[in-house]
Amino acid sequence: MMPLTFAVIGEENIIKKIGGKQEVRTHLENLGFNVGGAVTVLNTIGGNVIVKVDRKSVV
C-alpha cells in the first residue's frame, strides 16, 4: 500500500485502506472513495492531488 501522493500520474490504483478519523472516512466515502474502488491521480500541485474516482468499481 502507498499514499496517493506517491501514485504515478495517470495510473489507475485500487483503494486498499482509508485512514483517518471516522468523520473523515465517512466524508471520503460520500465522495466515492471506497475500499476496492479505483482511483487515478490526474495531477499533483504542491503536495495536493487531483484524482478521478471510479464509483462503478466499488466491491
C-alpha atoms as a PDB file:
ATOM      1  CA  MET A   1       0.000   0.000   0.000  1.00  0.00           C
ATOM      2  CA  MET A   2       1.044   3.588  -0.609  1.00  0.00           C
ATOM      3  CA  PRO A   3      -0.428   7.044  -0.130  1.00  0.00           C
ATOM      4  CA  LEU A   4      -1.978   8.776  -3.144  1.00  0.00           C
ATOM      5  CA  THR A   5       0.837  11.325  -3.061  1.00  0.00           C
ATOM      6  CA  PHE A   6       3.222   8.567  -4.253  1.00  0.00           C
ATOM      7  CA  ALA A   7       0.945   7.247  -7.030  1.00  0.00           C
ATOM      8  CA  VAL A   8       2.037   7.621 -10.650  1.00  0.00           C
ATOM      9  CA  ILE A   9       0.012  10.234 -12.540  1.00  0.00           C
ATOM     10  CA  GLY A  10      -2.412   8.572 -14.956  1.00  0.00           C
ATOM     11  CA  GLU A  11      -2.108   5.086 -13.446  1.00  0.00           C
ATOM     12  CA  GLU A  12      -5.269   3.512 -12.011  1.00  0.00           C
ATOM     13  CA  ASN A  13      -4.926   2.271  -8.424  1.00  0.00           C
ATOM     14  CA  ILE A  14      -7.240   0.198  -6.249  1.00  0.00           C
ATOM     15  CA  ILE A  15      -8.107   1.588  -2.812  1.00  0.00           C
ATOM     16  CA  LYS A  16      -6.929  -0.895  -0.170  1.00  0.00           C
ATOM     17  CA  LYS A  17      -7.429   1.145   3.008  1.00  0.00           C
ATOM     18  CA  ILE A  18      -8.823   4.505   4.061  1.00  0.00           C
ATOM     19  CA  GLY A  19      -7.254   6.007   7.181  1.00  0.00           C
ATOM     20  CA  GLY A  20      -8.123   8.910   9.423  1.00  0.00           C
ATOM     21  CA  LYS A  21     -10.842   9.700  11.915  1.00  0.00           C
ATOM     22  CA  GLN A  22     -14.310   8.242  11.374  1.00  0.00           C
ATOM     23  CA  GLU A  23     -15.763  11.592  10.225  1.00  0.00           C
ATOM     24  CA  VAL A  24     -13.003  11.936   7.590  1.00  0.00           C
ATOM     25  CA  ARG A  25     -13.541   8.355   6.372  1.00  0.00           C
ATOM     26  CA  THR A  26     -17.293   8.981   6.132  1.00  0.00           C
ATOM     27  CA  HIS A  27     -16.710  12.181   4.140  1.00  0.00           C
ATOM     28  CA  LEU A  28     -14.362  10.377   1.733  1.00  0.00           C
ATOM     29  CA  GLU A  29     -16.886   7.555   1.336  1.00  0.00           C
ATOM     30  CA  ASN A  30     -19.550  10.114   0.426  1.00  0.00           C
ATOM     31  CA  LEU A  31     -17.171  11.447  -2.244  1.00  0.00           C
ATOM     32  CA  GLY A  32     -16.837   7.944  -3.735  1.00  0.00           C
ATOM     33  CA  PHE A  33     -13.635   6.711  -2.068  1.00  0.00           C
ATOM     34  CA  ASN A  34     -14.427   3.124  -1.074  1.00  0.00           C
ATOM     35  CA  VAL A  35     -12.175   0.142  -0.369  1.00  0.00           C
ATOM     36  CA  GLY A  36     -11.982  -1.861  -3.597  1.00  0.00           C
ATOM     37  CA  GLY A  37     -12.754   1.177  -5.746  1.00  0.00           C
ATOM     38  CA  ALA A  38     -10.449   2.575  -8.399  1.00  0.00           C
ATOM     39  CA  VAL A  39      -8.771   5.962  -8.191  1.00  0.00           C
ATOM     40  CA  THR A  40      -6.497   7.664 -10.731  1.00  0.00           C
ATOM     41  CA  VAL A  41      -4.246  10.603  -9.877  1.00  0.00           C
ATOM     42  CA  LEU A  42      -4.673  13.232 -12.599  1.00  0.00           C
ATOM     43  CA  ASN A  43      -2.234  15.846 -11.276  1.00  0.00           C
ATOM     44  CA  THR A  44      -0.280  16.930  -8.212  1.00  0.00           C
ATOM     45  CA  ILE A  45       0.124  20.540  -7.147  1.00  0.00           C
ATOM     46  CA  GLY A  46       2.187  21.459  -4.099  1.00  0.00           C
ATOM     47  CA  GLY A  47       1.526  18.179  -2.299  1.00  0.00           C
ATOM     48  CA  ASN A  48      -2.188  18.186  -3.152  1.00  0.00           C
ATOM     49  CA  VAL A  49      -3.633  15.647  -5.565  1.00  0.00           C
ATOM     50  CA  ILE A  50      -6.387  15.895  -8.140  1.00  0.00           C
ATOM     51  CA  VAL A  51      -7.999  12.485  -8.594  1.00  0.00           C
ATOM     52  CA  LYS A  52     -10.630  10.707 -10.639  1.00  0.00           C
ATOM     53  CA  VAL A  53     -12.693   8.235  -8.613  1.00  0.00           C
ATOM     54  CA  ASP A  54     -14.379   5.363 -10.416  1.00  0.00           C
ATOM     55  CA  ARG A  55     -17.567   4.765  -8.436  1.00  0.00           C
ATOM     56  CA  LYS A  56     -18.605   1.793 -10.591  1.00  0.00           C
ATOM     57  CA  SER A  57     -15.799  -0.454  -9.323  1.00  0.00           C
ATOM     58  CA  VAL A  58     -16.885  -0.499  -5.660  1.00  0.00           C
ATOM     59  CA  VAL A  59     -16.975  -4.049  -4.301  1.00  0.00           C
END
